[in-house]
Amino acid sequence: MVRTDSTATRTDLLAAATHVISARGYSGLSTRRVAENAGVPLSQIHYHFGSKLDLVLAVLEEQTRALLERQTAMFSSDMPVWKQWEQACDFLEDDLRSGYVRLLQEMIAAGWSDDRIGAAVKDQLTGWHELLTDVVRAASVRIGGLGLFTAEELATLAVSAFLGAEQMILLGFGEEEVPARSALRRIGELMRDVEEGEDRDRPATPKP
């Protein structure tokens, strides 16, 4: 499909805003800086998005859409679920570097006092929850059930585990203080034991 000038400008603005947000976060976002990075007049931001907030929400929506496509492709692979969890942990590092995690967490916090932002963030998180619910349902068929949990409950725990780990990482906690990264990967090891029905030799977990 051939892009029109208007489509190209909007795409360039989204890319420029993503770059600025990854470097400075939502609180440090300047629409003037975004326009300069995109090489267009400031008025184009208002023309295409209406406001700084609309631009930021568009960036969040676009990034979430792309990442959900990435995760859907990964979960559709033939890898066992525990390996998919490990891949998701690897993806977390990519998303921290890109600034997506920081933007999402800042929008979550802003959404507590702004109903419009809260509704937009709920839409994004609903997409993640629905995807993981489908993954858990498929896994339950292979392993013969989920015990006391429903698929929705396990998906909620998975989303919450990542969101909580992201918060600790963004606050600057190191692994020696709050081992968020290793805790997520331990969950993958538990999944491996359940899926494969056996314990594998592994180094003992260091005592605190």
N, C-alpha and C. Protein backbone atom coordinates (compact mmCIF):
# COMPACT_ATOMS: atom_id res chain seq x y z
N MET A 1 0.84 -1.19 0.00
CA MET A 1 0.00 0.00 0.00
C MET A 1 0.88 1.25 0.00
N VAL A 2 0.59 2.17 -0.88
CA VAL A 2 1.36 3.41 -0.98
C VAL A 2 0.92 4.36 0.12
N ARG A 3 1.88 4.88 0.87
CA ARG A 3 1.55 5.81 1.94
C ARG A 3 1.32 7.20 1.36
N THR A 4 0.26 7.85 1.85
CA THR A 4 0.05 9.25 1.50
C THR A 4 0.96 10.10 2.37
N ASP A 5 1.10 11.38 1.99
CA ASP A 5 1.92 12.28 2.78
C ASP A 5 1.40 12.35 4.21
N SER A 6 0.07 12.37 4.38
CA SER A 6 -0.52 12.44 5.71
C SER A 6 -0.19 11.20 6.53
N THR A 7 -0.30 10.03 5.90
CA THR A 7 0.02 8.79 6.59
C THR A 7 1.49 8.75 6.97
N ALA A 8 2.33 9.19 6.07
CA ALA A 8 3.78 9.20 6.33
C ALA A 8 4.11 10.13 7.48
N THR A 9 3.48 11.29 7.52
CA THR A 9 3.72 12.24 8.61
C THR A 9 3.30 11.65 9.94
N ARG A 10 2.15 11.03 9.97
CA ARG A 10 1.67 10.42 11.22
C ARG A 10 2.62 9.33 11.69
N THR A 11 3.07 8.50 10.76
CA THR A 11 4.01 7.43 11.09
C THR A 11 5.33 8.00 11.61
N ASP A 12 5.82 9.07 10.97
CA ASP A 12 7.06 9.70 11.41
C ASP A 12 6.91 10.30 12.81
N LEU A 13 5.75 10.88 13.09
CA LEU A 13 5.51 11.46 14.41
C LEU A 13 5.47 10.38 15.49
N LEU A 14 4.85 9.26 15.18
CA LEU A 14 4.81 8.15 16.14
C LEU A 14 6.22 7.63 16.41
N ALA A 15 7.02 7.51 15.36
CA ALA A 15 8.40 7.02 15.52
C ALA A 15 9.22 8.02 16.34
N ALA A 16 9.05 9.30 16.06
CA ALA A 16 9.79 10.33 16.79
C ALA A 16 9.37 10.36 18.25
N ALA A 17 8.07 10.25 18.51
CA ALA A 17 7.59 10.25 19.88
C ALA A 17 8.10 9.03 20.64
N THR A 18 8.13 7.89 19.98
CA THR A 18 8.66 6.67 20.60
C THR A 18 10.12 6.86 21.00
N HIS A 19 10.89 7.49 20.11
CA HIS A 19 12.31 7.75 20.39
C HIS A 19 12.47 8.67 21.60
N VAL A 20 11.69 9.74 21.63
CA VAL A 20 11.81 10.71 22.74
C VAL A 20 11.35 10.08 24.05
N ILE A 21 10.25 9.33 24.01
CA ILE A 21 9.75 8.70 25.22
C ILE A 21 10.74 7.68 25.77
N SER A 22 11.38 6.91 24.88
CA SER A 22 12.35 5.91 25.34
C SER A 22 13.53 6.55 26.04
N ALA A 23 13.85 7.79 25.65
CA ALA A 23 14.98 8.49 26.25
C ALA A 23 14.60 9.29 27.49
N ARG A 24 13.38 9.85 27.51
CA ARG A 24 13.01 10.79 28.57
C ARG A 24 11.77 10.40 29.36
N GLY A 25 11.03 9.40 28.89
CA GLY A 25 9.80 9.04 29.57
C GLY A 25 8.67 10.00 29.26
N TYR A 26 7.48 9.66 29.72
CA TYR A 26 6.31 10.49 29.46
C TYR A 26 6.46 11.86 30.10
N SER A 27 6.99 11.89 31.32
CA SER A 27 7.10 13.16 32.04
C SER A 27 8.06 14.12 31.35
N GLY A 28 9.01 13.59 30.58
CA GLY A 28 9.98 14.45 29.91
C GLY A 28 9.68 14.68 28.44
N LEU A 29 8.48 14.26 28.02
CA LEU A 29 8.12 14.38 26.61
C LEU A 29 7.79 15.83 26.26
N SER A 30 8.38 16.32 25.20
CA SER A 30 8.08 17.65 24.68
C SER A 30 7.57 17.49 23.26
N THR A 31 6.39 18.04 22.98
CA THR A 31 5.86 17.94 21.62
C THR A 31 6.74 18.68 20.63
N ARG A 32 7.36 19.76 21.08
CA ARG A 32 8.27 20.49 20.20
C ARG A 32 9.46 19.60 19.81
N ARG A 33 9.98 18.86 20.78
CA ARG A 33 11.10 17.98 20.49
C ARG A 33 10.69 16.86 19.54
N VAL A 34 9.48 16.35 19.73
CA VAL A 34 8.96 15.30 18.84
C VAL A 34 8.85 15.84 17.41
N ALA A 35 8.31 17.04 17.26
CA ALA A 35 8.17 17.63 15.92
C ALA A 35 9.53 17.83 15.27
N GLU A 36 10.50 18.29 16.06
CA GLU A 36 11.85 18.49 15.52
C GLU A 36 12.46 17.16 15.09
N ASN A 37 12.27 16.12 15.89
CA ASN A 37 12.80 14.80 15.53
C ASN A 37 12.14 14.26 14.27
N ALA A 38 10.87 14.56 14.09
CA ALA A 38 10.15 14.08 12.90
C ALA A 38 10.39 14.97 11.69
N GLY A 39 10.93 16.17 11.92
CA GLY A 39 11.18 17.09 10.82
C GLY A 39 9.94 17.72 10.25
N VAL A 40 8.94 17.96 11.12
CA VAL A 40 7.69 18.56 10.67
C VAL A 40 7.32 19.71 11.60
N PRO A 41 6.44 20.61 11.18
CA PRO A 41 5.99 21.70 12.05
C PRO A 41 5.24 21.16 13.28
N LEU A 42 5.33 21.88 14.37
CA LEU A 42 4.63 21.49 15.59
C LEU A 42 3.13 21.33 15.36
N SER A 43 2.58 22.13 14.47
CA SER A 43 1.14 22.09 14.20
C SER A 43 0.68 20.71 13.71
N GLN A 44 1.61 19.92 13.14
CA GLN A 44 1.24 18.61 12.63
C GLN A 44 0.86 17.65 13.75
N ILE A 45 1.43 17.85 14.93
CA ILE A 45 1.05 17.00 16.06
C ILE A 45 -0.40 17.25 16.43
N HIS A 46 -0.78 18.51 16.48
CA HIS A 46 -2.16 18.85 16.81
C HIS A 46 -3.11 18.41 15.69
N TYR A 47 -2.66 18.47 14.45
CA TYR A 47 -3.50 18.06 13.32
C TYR A 47 -3.77 16.56 13.36
N HIS A 48 -2.72 15.77 13.62
CA HIS A 48 -2.85 14.31 13.56
C HIS A 48 -3.35 13.69 14.86
N PHE A 49 -3.03 14.31 16.00
CA PHE A 49 -3.34 13.67 17.27
C PHE A 49 -4.19 14.54 18.22
N GLY A 50 -4.17 15.83 18.03
CA GLY A 50 -4.99 16.70 18.85
C GLY A 50 -4.30 17.24 20.07
N SER A 51 -3.53 16.42 20.77
CA SER A 51 -2.87 16.86 21.99
C SER A 51 -1.68 15.96 22.30
N LYS A 52 -0.87 16.39 23.25
CA LYS A 52 0.27 15.59 23.70
C LYS A 52 -0.20 14.25 24.25
N LEU A 53 -1.27 14.26 25.04
CA LEU A 53 -1.78 13.02 25.62
C LEU A 53 -2.26 12.06 24.54
N ASP A 54 -2.99 12.58 23.54
CA ASP A 54 -3.45 11.73 22.45
C ASP A 54 -2.28 11.11 21.70
N LEU A 55 -1.21 11.87 21.54
CA LEU A 55 -0.02 11.34 20.88
C LEU A 55 0.58 10.20 21.70
N VAL A 56 0.71 10.41 23.00
CA VAL A 56 1.30 9.38 23.87
C VAL A 56 0.44 8.12 23.88
N LEU A 57 -0.86 8.28 23.97
CA LEU A 57 -1.75 7.12 23.97
C LEU A 57 -1.69 6.38 22.63
N ALA A 58 -1.50 7.12 21.54
CA ALA A 58 -1.35 6.48 20.23
C ALA A 58 -0.06 5.68 20.17
N VAL A 59 1.01 6.21 20.77
CA VAL A 59 2.29 5.48 20.83
C VAL A 59 2.12 4.20 21.62
N LEU A 60 1.47 4.30 22.79
CA LEU A 60 1.26 3.12 23.62
C LEU A 60 0.43 2.07 22.89
N GLU A 61 -0.63 2.51 22.21
CA GLU A 61 -1.47 1.57 21.48
C GLU A 61 -0.71 0.90 20.35
N GLU A 62 0.09 1.67 19.62
CA GLU A 62 0.85 1.11 18.49
C GLU A 62 1.90 0.12 18.98
N GLN A 63 2.60 0.47 20.06
CA GLN A 63 3.62 -0.43 20.59
C GLN A 63 3.00 -1.70 21.14
N THR A 64 1.89 -1.56 21.85
CA THR A 64 1.23 -2.75 22.40
C THR A 64 0.76 -3.66 21.29
N ARG A 65 0.19 -3.09 20.22
CA ARG A 65 -0.26 -3.90 19.09
C ARG A 65 0.89 -4.70 18.50
N ALA A 66 2.03 -4.04 18.30
CA ALA A 66 3.19 -4.72 17.72
C ALA A 66 3.71 -5.83 18.64
N LEU A 67 3.74 -5.56 19.93
CA LEU A 67 4.26 -6.55 20.87
C LEU A 67 3.30 -7.72 21.05
N LEU A 68 2.00 -7.45 20.99
CA LEU A 68 1.05 -8.55 21.05
C LEU A 68 1.18 -9.46 19.83
N GLU A 69 1.45 -8.86 18.67
CA GLU A 69 1.70 -9.68 17.48
C GLU A 69 2.95 -10.52 17.66
N ARG A 70 3.98 -9.93 18.24
CA ARG A 70 5.23 -10.67 18.50
C ARG A 70 4.97 -11.83 19.46
N GLN A 71 4.24 -11.56 20.55
CA GLN A 71 3.98 -12.61 21.54
C GLN A 71 3.06 -13.68 20.97
N THR A 72 2.07 -13.28 20.18
CA THR A 72 1.16 -14.25 19.58
C THR A 72 1.92 -15.22 18.68
N ALA A 73 2.84 -14.68 17.89
CA ALA A 73 3.65 -15.54 17.02
C ALA A 73 4.50 -16.50 17.84
N MET A 74 5.06 -16.00 18.93
CA MET A 74 5.90 -16.85 19.77
C MET A 74 5.08 -17.94 20.45
N PHE A 75 3.92 -17.59 21.00
CA PHE A 75 3.08 -18.57 21.68
C PHE A 75 2.45 -19.56 20.70
N SER A 76 2.42 -19.20 19.43
CA SER A 76 1.87 -20.11 18.42
C SER A 76 2.90 -21.12 17.94
N SER A 77 4.13 -20.99 18.40
CA SER A 77 5.19 -21.90 17.99
C SER A 77 5.03 -23.24 18.69
N ASP A 78 5.89 -24.19 18.31
CA ASP A 78 5.83 -25.53 18.88
C ASP A 78 6.63 -25.65 20.17
N MET A 79 7.21 -24.59 20.64
CA MET A 79 7.97 -24.64 21.88
C MET A 79 7.06 -24.99 23.06
N PRO A 80 7.56 -25.76 24.04
CA PRO A 80 6.76 -25.98 25.25
C PRO A 80 6.54 -24.65 25.97
N VAL A 81 5.52 -24.60 26.81
CA VAL A 81 5.16 -23.35 27.46
C VAL A 81 6.30 -22.81 28.32
N TRP A 82 7.05 -23.69 28.96
CA TRP A 82 8.13 -23.18 29.82
C TRP A 82 9.21 -22.48 29.00
N LYS A 83 9.45 -22.96 27.80
CA LYS A 83 10.41 -22.27 26.93
C LYS A 83 9.83 -20.94 26.43
N GLN A 84 8.54 -20.92 26.20
CA GLN A 84 7.89 -19.68 25.80
C GLN A 84 7.97 -18.65 26.93
N TRP A 85 7.85 -19.12 28.16
CA TRP A 85 7.99 -18.22 29.31
C TRP A 85 9.41 -17.65 29.36
N GLU A 86 10.40 -18.50 29.12
CA GLU A 86 11.78 -18.03 29.08
C GLU A 86 11.97 -16.99 27.98
N GLN A 87 11.36 -17.22 26.84
CA GLN A 87 11.44 -16.25 25.74
C GLN A 87 10.78 -14.94 26.14
N ALA A 88 9.66 -15.03 26.86
CA ALA A 88 8.99 -13.83 27.34
C ALA A 88 9.89 -13.04 28.29
N CYS A 89 10.67 -13.75 29.10
CA CYS A 89 11.63 -13.08 29.99
C CYS A 89 12.71 -12.38 29.17
N ASP A 90 13.13 -12.99 28.08
CA ASP A 90 14.10 -12.34 27.19
C ASP A 90 13.48 -11.10 26.54
N PHE A 91 12.23 -11.23 26.12
CA PHE A 91 11.54 -10.09 25.52
C PHE A 91 11.43 -8.92 26.49
N LEU A 92 11.29 -9.24 27.79
CA LEU A 92 11.20 -8.17 28.80
C LEU A 92 12.41 -7.25 28.73
N GLU A 93 13.58 -7.83 28.53
CA GLU A 93 14.79 -7.02 28.44
C GLU A 93 14.73 -6.10 27.22
N ASP A 94 14.21 -6.62 26.11
CA ASP A 94 14.04 -5.78 24.91
C ASP A 94 13.08 -4.63 25.18
N ASP A 95 12.00 -4.94 25.88
CA ASP A 95 10.97 -3.93 26.11
C ASP A 95 11.40 -2.89 27.14
N LEU A 96 12.29 -3.27 28.04
CA LEU A 96 12.88 -2.29 28.95
C LEU A 96 13.77 -1.32 28.18
N ARG A 97 14.57 -1.87 27.27
CA ARG A 97 15.48 -1.02 26.49
C ARG A 97 14.72 -0.09 25.55
N SER A 98 13.62 -0.57 24.99
CA SER A 98 12.87 0.24 24.02
C SER A 98 12.10 1.38 24.66
N GLY A 99 11.89 1.31 25.97
CA GLY A 99 11.10 2.32 26.66
C GLY A 99 9.64 1.97 26.81
N TYR A 100 9.21 0.84 26.22
CA TYR A 100 7.79 0.46 26.30
C TYR A 100 7.36 0.22 27.74
N VAL A 101 8.17 -0.50 28.49
CA VAL A 101 7.81 -0.82 29.87
C VAL A 101 7.66 0.46 30.69
N ARG A 102 8.60 1.37 30.51
CA ARG A 102 8.54 2.63 31.24
C ARG A 102 7.27 3.41 30.90
N LEU A 103 6.94 3.49 29.61
CA LEU A 103 5.74 4.21 29.20
C LEU A 103 4.49 3.55 29.76
N LEU A 104 4.40 2.24 29.67
CA LEU A 104 3.23 1.53 30.18
C LEU A 104 3.05 1.78 31.67
N GLN A 105 4.15 1.67 32.43
CA GLN A 105 4.05 1.86 33.87
C GLN A 105 3.69 3.31 34.23
N GLU A 106 4.22 4.27 33.48
CA GLU A 106 3.87 5.66 33.73
C GLU A 106 2.39 5.92 33.41
N MET A 107 1.88 5.29 32.38
CA MET A 107 0.48 5.45 32.03
C MET A 107 -0.43 4.75 33.03
N ILE A 108 0.01 3.62 33.57
CA ILE A 108 -0.76 2.96 34.63
C ILE A 108 -0.91 3.90 35.82
N ALA A 109 0.20 4.50 36.25
CA ALA A 109 0.16 5.41 37.39
C ALA A 109 -0.72 6.63 37.09
N ALA A 110 -0.60 7.18 35.89
CA ALA A 110 -1.42 8.34 35.52
C ALA A 110 -2.89 7.97 35.45
N GLY A 111 -3.17 6.73 35.09
CA GLY A 111 -4.54 6.28 34.96
C GLY A 111 -5.29 6.15 36.27
N TRP A 112 -4.56 6.14 37.38
CA TRP A 112 -5.23 6.06 38.68
C TRP A 112 -6.05 7.32 38.97
N SER A 113 -5.62 8.45 38.43
CA SER A 113 -6.32 9.71 38.71
C SER A 113 -6.94 10.33 37.46
N ASP A 114 -6.78 9.69 36.31
CA ASP A 114 -7.35 10.21 35.07
C ASP A 114 -8.13 9.08 34.40
N ASP A 115 -9.45 9.20 34.40
CA ASP A 115 -10.30 8.12 33.89
C ASP A 115 -10.03 7.80 32.42
N ARG A 116 -9.72 8.81 31.64
CA ARG A 116 -9.48 8.58 30.22
C ARG A 116 -8.21 7.76 30.00
N ILE A 117 -7.14 8.14 30.72
CA ILE A 117 -5.90 7.36 30.61
C ILE A 117 -6.13 5.96 31.16
N GLY A 118 -6.84 5.87 32.28
CA GLY A 118 -7.10 4.57 32.87
C GLY A 118 -7.84 3.64 31.92
N ALA A 119 -8.82 4.16 31.21
CA ALA A 119 -9.58 3.34 30.26
C ALA A 119 -8.69 2.87 29.11
N ALA A 120 -7.80 3.75 28.63
CA ALA A 120 -6.90 3.38 27.53
C ALA A 120 -5.92 2.30 27.97
N VAL A 121 -5.38 2.43 29.18
CA VAL A 121 -4.42 1.44 29.68
C VAL A 121 -5.12 0.11 29.93
N LYS A 122 -6.34 0.15 30.44
CA LYS A 122 -7.09 -1.09 30.65
C LYS A 122 -7.27 -1.84 29.33
N ASP A 123 -7.51 -1.11 28.25
CA ASP A 123 -7.63 -1.75 26.94
C ASP A 123 -6.35 -2.49 26.57
N GLN A 124 -5.20 -1.84 26.82
CA GLN A 124 -3.92 -2.47 26.47
C GLN A 124 -3.67 -3.71 27.33
N LEU A 125 -3.93 -3.59 28.64
CA LEU A 125 -3.69 -4.72 29.54
C LEU A 125 -4.68 -5.86 29.28
N THR A 126 -5.88 -5.52 28.85
CA THR A 126 -6.85 -6.56 28.51
C THR A 126 -6.35 -7.43 27.36
N GLY A 127 -5.68 -6.79 26.40
CA GLY A 127 -5.11 -7.55 25.30
C GLY A 127 -4.09 -8.57 25.78
N TRP A 128 -3.22 -8.16 26.72
CA TRP A 128 -2.22 -9.08 27.27
C TRP A 128 -2.91 -10.20 28.05
N HIS A 129 -3.91 -9.86 28.84
CA HIS A 129 -4.59 -10.87 29.66
C HIS A 129 -5.32 -11.88 28.79
N GLU A 130 -5.98 -11.41 27.74
CA GLU A 130 -6.70 -12.33 26.86
C GLU A 130 -5.75 -13.27 26.14
N LEU A 131 -4.60 -12.74 25.71
CA LEU A 131 -3.62 -13.59 25.04
C LEU A 131 -3.13 -14.69 25.97
N LEU A 132 -2.76 -14.32 27.20
CA LEU A 132 -2.23 -15.31 28.14
C LEU A 132 -3.30 -16.29 28.58
N THR A 133 -4.54 -15.84 28.67
CA THR A 133 -5.63 -16.77 29.00
C THR A 133 -5.75 -17.86 27.95
N ASP A 134 -5.65 -17.48 26.68
CA ASP A 134 -5.70 -18.46 25.60
C ASP A 134 -4.52 -19.43 25.68
N VAL A 135 -3.34 -18.90 26.01
CA VAL A 135 -2.16 -19.75 26.13
C VAL A 135 -2.34 -20.76 27.26
N VAL A 136 -2.84 -20.30 28.40
CA VAL A 136 -3.03 -21.19 29.55
C VAL A 136 -4.07 -22.26 29.23
N ARG A 137 -5.15 -21.87 28.57
CA ARG A 137 -6.17 -22.86 28.21
C ARG A 137 -5.59 -23.96 27.34
N ALA A 138 -4.78 -23.56 26.36
CA ALA A 138 -4.17 -24.56 25.48
C ALA A 138 -3.21 -25.46 26.25
N ALA A 139 -2.46 -24.88 27.18
CA ALA A 139 -1.51 -25.66 27.97
C ALA A 139 -2.23 -26.64 28.88
N SER A 140 -3.39 -26.24 29.41
CA SER A 140 -4.11 -27.10 30.34
C SER A 140 -4.55 -28.40 29.67
N VAL A 141 -4.82 -28.32 28.38
CA VAL A 141 -5.21 -29.53 27.64
C VAL A 141 -4.04 -30.50 27.58
N ARG A 142 -2.84 -29.95 27.37
CA ARG A 142 -1.66 -30.82 27.24
C ARG A 142 -1.23 -31.43 28.56
N ILE A 143 -1.39 -30.70 29.66
CA ILE A 143 -0.90 -31.20 30.95
C ILE A 143 -2.00 -31.80 31.81
N GLY A 144 -3.23 -31.80 31.29
CA GLY A 144 -4.32 -32.46 32.00
C GLY A 144 -4.95 -31.66 33.12
N GLY A 145 -5.07 -30.36 32.93
CA GLY A 145 -5.77 -29.55 33.92
C GLY A 145 -4.88 -28.54 34.61
N LEU A 146 -5.52 -27.65 35.38
CA LEU A 146 -4.81 -26.56 36.04
C LEU A 146 -4.96 -26.61 37.55
N GLY A 147 -5.40 -27.74 38.08
CA GLY A 147 -5.54 -27.85 39.53
C GLY A 147 -6.65 -26.93 40.03
N LEU A 148 -6.33 -26.14 41.05
CA LEU A 148 -7.33 -25.27 41.67
C LEU A 148 -7.61 -24.00 40.87
N PHE A 149 -6.76 -23.69 39.90
CA PHE A 149 -6.85 -22.42 39.20
C PHE A 149 -7.69 -22.51 37.93
N THR A 150 -8.30 -21.39 37.58
CA THR A 150 -8.89 -21.24 36.26
C THR A 150 -7.83 -20.64 35.33
N ALA A 151 -8.08 -20.72 34.03
CA ALA A 151 -7.15 -20.13 33.06
C ALA A 151 -7.04 -18.63 33.28
N GLU A 152 -8.17 -17.99 33.58
CA GLU A 152 -8.17 -16.53 33.80
C GLU A 152 -7.35 -16.16 35.03
N GLU A 153 -7.43 -16.98 36.07
CA GLU A 153 -6.66 -16.70 37.29
C GLU A 153 -5.16 -16.83 37.06
N LEU A 154 -4.75 -17.87 36.35
CA LEU A 154 -3.32 -18.04 36.08
C LEU A 154 -2.81 -16.95 35.15
N ALA A 155 -3.62 -16.55 34.18
CA ALA A 155 -3.22 -15.43 33.31
C ALA A 155 -3.07 -14.16 34.12
N THR A 156 -3.95 -13.93 35.07
CA THR A 156 -3.86 -12.76 35.94
C THR A 156 -2.57 -12.79 36.75
N LEU A 157 -2.22 -13.95 37.28
CA LEU A 157 -0.98 -14.07 38.05
C LEU A 157 0.24 -13.81 37.16
N ALA A 158 0.20 -14.29 35.93
CA ALA A 158 1.32 -14.09 35.02
C ALA A 158 1.50 -12.62 34.68
N VAL A 159 0.39 -11.94 34.33
CA VAL A 159 0.46 -10.51 34.02
C VAL A 159 0.96 -9.74 35.24
N SER A 160 0.43 -10.08 36.41
CA SER A 160 0.81 -9.38 37.63
C SER A 160 2.27 -9.60 37.98
N ALA A 161 2.78 -10.80 37.71
CA ALA A 161 4.19 -11.09 38.00
C ALA A 161 5.10 -10.20 37.17
N PHE A 162 4.79 -10.07 35.89
CA PHE A 162 5.62 -9.22 35.03
C PHE A 162 5.49 -7.75 35.39
N LEU A 163 4.26 -7.29 35.64
CA LEU A 163 4.06 -5.88 35.99
C LEU A 163 4.79 -5.54 37.29
N GLY A 164 4.70 -6.43 38.27
CA GLY A 164 5.39 -6.19 39.53
C GLY A 164 6.90 -6.18 39.38
N ALA A 165 7.42 -7.12 38.61
CA ALA A 165 8.86 -7.16 38.37
C ALA A 165 9.33 -5.90 37.65
N GLU A 166 8.54 -5.46 36.68
CA GLU A 166 8.89 -4.24 35.94
C GLU A 166 8.98 -3.03 36.87
N GLN A 167 8.05 -2.94 37.81
CA GLN A 167 8.06 -1.81 38.74
C GLN A 167 9.34 -1.81 39.58
N MET A 168 9.72 -2.97 40.08
CA MET A 168 10.94 -3.05 40.90
C MET A 168 12.17 -2.68 40.08
N ILE A 169 12.23 -3.15 38.84
CA ILE A 169 13.37 -2.85 37.98
C ILE A 169 13.44 -1.36 37.68
N LEU A 170 12.28 -0.77 37.34
CA LEU A 170 12.27 0.66 37.00
C LEU A 170 12.61 1.53 38.21
N LEU A 171 12.30 1.05 39.41
CA LEU A 171 12.64 1.80 40.61
C LEU A 171 14.13 1.73 40.93
N GLY A 172 14.84 0.87 40.22
CA GLY A 172 16.29 0.82 40.39
C GLY A 172 16.78 -0.28 41.31
N PHE A 173 15.91 -1.19 41.72
CA PHE A 173 16.35 -2.29 42.55
C PHE A 173 17.26 -3.22 41.75
N GLY A 174 18.41 -3.56 42.30
CA GLY A 174 19.29 -4.53 41.67
C GLY A 174 18.87 -5.94 42.04
N GLU A 175 19.38 -6.92 41.33
CA GLU A 175 19.03 -8.31 41.59
C GLU A 175 19.45 -8.76 42.99
N GLU A 176 20.50 -8.14 43.54
CA GLU A 176 20.94 -8.52 44.88
C GLU A 176 19.98 -8.01 45.95
N GLU A 177 19.17 -7.01 45.61
CA GLU A 177 18.21 -6.45 46.56
C GLU A 177 16.83 -7.09 46.38
N VAL A 178 16.31 -7.03 45.17
CA VAL A 178 15.01 -7.62 44.83
C VAL A 178 15.22 -8.42 43.54
N PRO A 179 15.39 -9.74 43.63
CA PRO A 179 15.72 -10.54 42.44
C PRO A 179 14.52 -10.75 41.52
N ALA A 180 14.05 -9.66 40.93
CA ALA A 180 12.84 -9.73 40.09
C ALA A 180 13.06 -10.59 38.85
N ARG A 181 14.18 -10.39 38.18
CA ARG A 181 14.43 -11.13 36.95
C ARG A 181 14.56 -12.63 37.22
N SER A 182 15.35 -12.98 38.22
CA SER A 182 15.54 -14.41 38.49
C SER A 182 14.26 -15.04 39.01
N ALA A 183 13.43 -14.29 39.73
CA ALA A 183 12.17 -14.83 40.21
C ALA A 183 11.26 -15.20 39.04
N LEU A 184 11.23 -14.33 38.01
CA LEU A 184 10.43 -14.65 36.83
C LEU A 184 10.93 -15.91 36.15
N ARG A 185 12.24 -16.04 36.07
CA ARG A 185 12.80 -17.22 35.39
C ARG A 185 12.58 -18.49 36.21
N ARG A 186 12.50 -18.39 37.54
CA ARG A 186 12.20 -19.56 38.37
C ARG A 186 10.81 -20.10 38.04
N ILE A 187 9.90 -19.20 37.72
CA ILE A 187 8.56 -19.65 37.34
C ILE A 187 8.64 -20.54 36.10
N GLY A 188 9.52 -20.17 35.17
CA GLY A 188 9.72 -21.00 33.99
C GLY A 188 10.24 -22.38 34.36
N GLU A 189 11.10 -22.45 35.37
CA GLU A 189 11.61 -23.75 35.80
C GLU A 189 10.50 -24.61 36.40
N LEU A 190 9.61 -23.97 37.17
CA LEU A 190 8.47 -24.71 37.71
C LEU A 190 7.57 -25.23 36.58
N MET A 191 7.38 -24.40 35.57
CA MET A 191 6.58 -24.83 34.42
C MET A 191 7.22 -26.02 33.73
N ARG A 192 8.54 -25.98 33.62
CA ARG A 192 9.25 -27.10 32.99
C ARG A 192 9.00 -28.40 33.74
N ASP A 193 9.07 -28.33 35.08
CA ASP A 193 8.87 -29.54 35.87
C ASP A 193 7.45 -30.08 35.71
N VAL A 194 6.47 -29.17 35.62
CA VAL A 194 5.09 -29.60 35.46
C VAL A 194 4.88 -30.19 34.07
N GLU A 195 5.39 -29.50 33.05
CA GLU A 195 5.17 -29.96 31.68
C GLU A 195 5.89 -31.27 31.39
N GLU A 196 7.12 -31.38 31.87
CA GLU A 196 7.91 -32.56 31.54
C GLU A 196 7.73 -33.66 32.58
N GLY A 197 7.14 -33.34 33.72
CA GLY A 197 6.86 -34.36 34.72
C GLY A 197 8.10 -34.92 35.37
N GLU A 198 9.16 -34.12 35.41
CA GLU A 198 10.39 -34.62 36.02
C GLU A 198 11.21 -33.45 36.53
N ASP A 199 12.04 -33.71 37.51
CA ASP A 199 12.96 -32.71 38.04
C ASP A 199 14.31 -32.88 37.37
N ARG A 200 14.89 -31.78 36.97
CA ARG A 200 16.21 -31.81 36.37
C ARG A 200 17.23 -31.27 37.36
N ASP A 201 18.43 -31.78 37.26
CA ASP A 201 19.48 -31.25 38.13
C ASP A 201 19.74 -29.80 37.76
N ARG A 202 19.83 -28.96 38.77
CA ARG A 202 20.13 -27.55 38.55
C ARG A 202 20.87 -27.03 39.77
N PRO A 203 21.65 -25.97 39.61
CA PRO A 203 22.36 -25.42 40.76
C PRO A 203 21.37 -25.01 41.85
N ALA A 204 21.75 -25.21 43.10
CA ALA A 204 20.88 -24.82 44.21
C ALA A 204 20.70 -23.31 44.23
N THR A 205 19.51 -22.90 44.60
CA THR A 205 19.24 -21.46 44.71
C THR A 205 20.01 -20.89 45.88
N PRO A 206 20.84 -19.87 45.67
CA PRO A 206 21.60 -19.29 46.78
C PRO A 206 20.68 -18.80 47.88
N LYS A 207 21.07 -19.06 49.11
CA LYS A 207 20.27 -18.58 50.24
C LYS A 207 20.52 -17.10 50.45
N PRO A 208 19.47 -16.36 50.86
CA PRO A 208 19.66 -14.92 51.09
C PRO A 208 20.58 -14.68 52.27
